[in-house]
């Protein structure tokens, strides 16, 4: 891990970088679960099992699974430029 700031803001910068990486890791886990055919509920339960209190929200899991089902390939937080995906949930599916 690299120290990115100087002075009083150093910790803030390092925490922001760590949080960004941790969120991406969880989205990659969600993408993997999608690829192996797990439902949104199963995916959320697996994430709860692994991350405990640090799990992403249930709605986020459902939203990300819907995005992957709609054809999204990236687990990055920013959607690709020029792409709009409408997400409509019906029960455990998109």
Protein backbone atom coordinates (compact mmCIF):
# COMPACT_ATOMS: atom_id res chain seq x y z
CA UNK A 1 0.00 0.00 0.00
CA UNK A 2 1.37 3.41 -0.90
CA UNK A 3 0.94 6.57 1.12
CA UNK A 4 -0.65 9.07 -1.23
CA UNK A 5 -1.08 12.22 0.85
CA UNK A 6 0.97 14.51 3.00
CA UNK A 7 0.01 15.95 6.37
CA UNK A 8 -3.41 15.58 7.96
CA UNK A 9 -5.13 14.16 4.85
CA UNK A 10 -2.83 11.14 4.41
CA UNK A 11 -5.16 8.69 6.15
CA UNK A 12 -8.17 9.88 4.19
CA UNK A 13 -6.45 9.17 0.87
CA UNK A 14 -5.29 5.70 1.91
CA UNK A 15 -8.74 4.76 3.24
CA UNK A 16 -10.41 5.96 0.02
CA UNK A 17 -8.11 3.81 -2.12
CA UNK A 18 -8.64 0.75 0.11
CA UNK A 19 -12.42 1.19 0.07
CA UNK A 20 -12.48 1.49 -3.72
CA UNK A 21 -10.52 -1.75 -4.10
CA UNK A 22 -12.69 -3.57 -1.57
CA UNK A 23 -15.89 -2.54 -3.40
CA UNK A 24 -14.49 -3.69 -6.73
CA UNK A 25 -13.58 -7.03 -5.15
CA UNK A 26 -17.18 -7.52 -4.01
CA UNK A 27 -18.53 -6.65 -7.46
CA UNK A 28 -16.15 -9.20 -8.97
CA UNK A 29 -17.58 -11.79 -6.54
CA UNK A 30 -21.10 -10.82 -7.66
CA UNK A 31 -20.07 -11.20 -11.30
CA UNK A 32 -18.60 -14.65 -10.57
CA UNK A 33 -21.83 -15.75 -8.87
CA UNK A 34 -23.79 -14.53 -11.89
CA UNK A 35 -21.54 -16.49 -14.25
CA UNK A 36 -22.05 -19.73 -12.29
CA UNK A 37 -25.82 -19.28 -12.19
CA UNK A 38 -26.43 -18.19 -8.58
CA UNK A 39 -29.62 -16.28 -7.86
CA UNK A 40 -29.52 -12.83 -6.28
CA UNK A 41 -30.58 -14.28 -2.93
CA UNK A 42 -27.90 -16.99 -3.07
CA UNK A 43 -25.29 -14.41 -4.06
CA UNK A 44 -26.25 -12.11 -1.19
CA UNK A 45 -26.10 -14.99 1.29
CA UNK A 46 -22.64 -16.00 0.07
CA UNK A 47 -21.40 -12.41 0.39
CA UNK A 48 -22.86 -12.20 3.91
CA UNK A 49 -21.07 -15.41 4.80
CA UNK A 50 -17.73 -14.10 3.52
CA UNK A 51 -17.86 -10.40 4.46
CA UNK A 52 -20.14 -10.41 7.52
CA UNK A 53 -21.05 -6.86 8.54
CA UNK A 54 -18.98 -5.44 5.64
CA UNK A 55 -21.27 -6.95 3.02
CA UNK A 56 -22.74 -4.69 0.34
CA UNK A 57 -26.47 -3.97 0.54
CA UNK A 58 -29.00 -6.50 -0.73
CA UNK A 59 -30.31 -3.96 -3.26
CA UNK A 60 -26.78 -3.41 -4.61
CA UNK A 61 -26.36 -7.16 -5.14
CA UNK A 62 -29.67 -7.35 -7.03
CA UNK A 63 -28.83 -4.25 -9.09
CA UNK A 64 -25.37 -5.53 -10.08
CA UNK A 65 -26.73 -8.96 -11.00
CA UNK A 66 -29.33 -7.28 -13.20
CA UNK A 67 -26.63 -5.23 -14.90
CA UNK A 68 -24.57 -8.36 -15.62
CA UNK A 69 -27.68 -10.14 -16.89
CA UNK A 70 -28.35 -7.18 -19.20
CA UNK A 71 -24.91 -7.66 -20.75
CA UNK A 72 -22.55 -5.58 -18.65
CA UNK A 73 -19.08 -7.10 -18.50
CA UNK A 74 -17.19 -4.65 -16.30
CA UNK A 75 -17.18 -4.79 -12.50
CA UNK A 76 -15.91 -1.20 -12.34
CA UNK A 77 -18.18 1.29 -10.60
CA UNK A 78 -18.60 3.65 -13.57
CA UNK A 79 -20.79 2.43 -16.42
CA UNK A 80 -19.30 2.45 -19.92
CA UNK A 81 -19.73 5.78 -21.72
CA UNK A 82 -22.83 5.94 -23.92
CA UNK A 83 -24.50 2.86 -22.40
CA UNK A 84 -27.82 3.00 -20.58
CA UNK A 85 -29.25 -0.04 -18.82
CA UNK A 86 -32.79 -0.01 -17.42
CA UNK A 87 -33.18 -2.26 -14.41
CA UNK A 88 -36.61 -3.56 -13.45
CA UNK A 89 -36.85 -6.19 -10.73
CA UNK A 90 -39.40 -8.98 -10.52
CA UNK A 91 -38.88 -11.07 -7.42
CA UNK A 92 -35.44 -12.71 -7.41
CA UNK A 93 -34.82 -11.93 -11.10
CA UNK A 94 -34.23 -8.87 -13.21
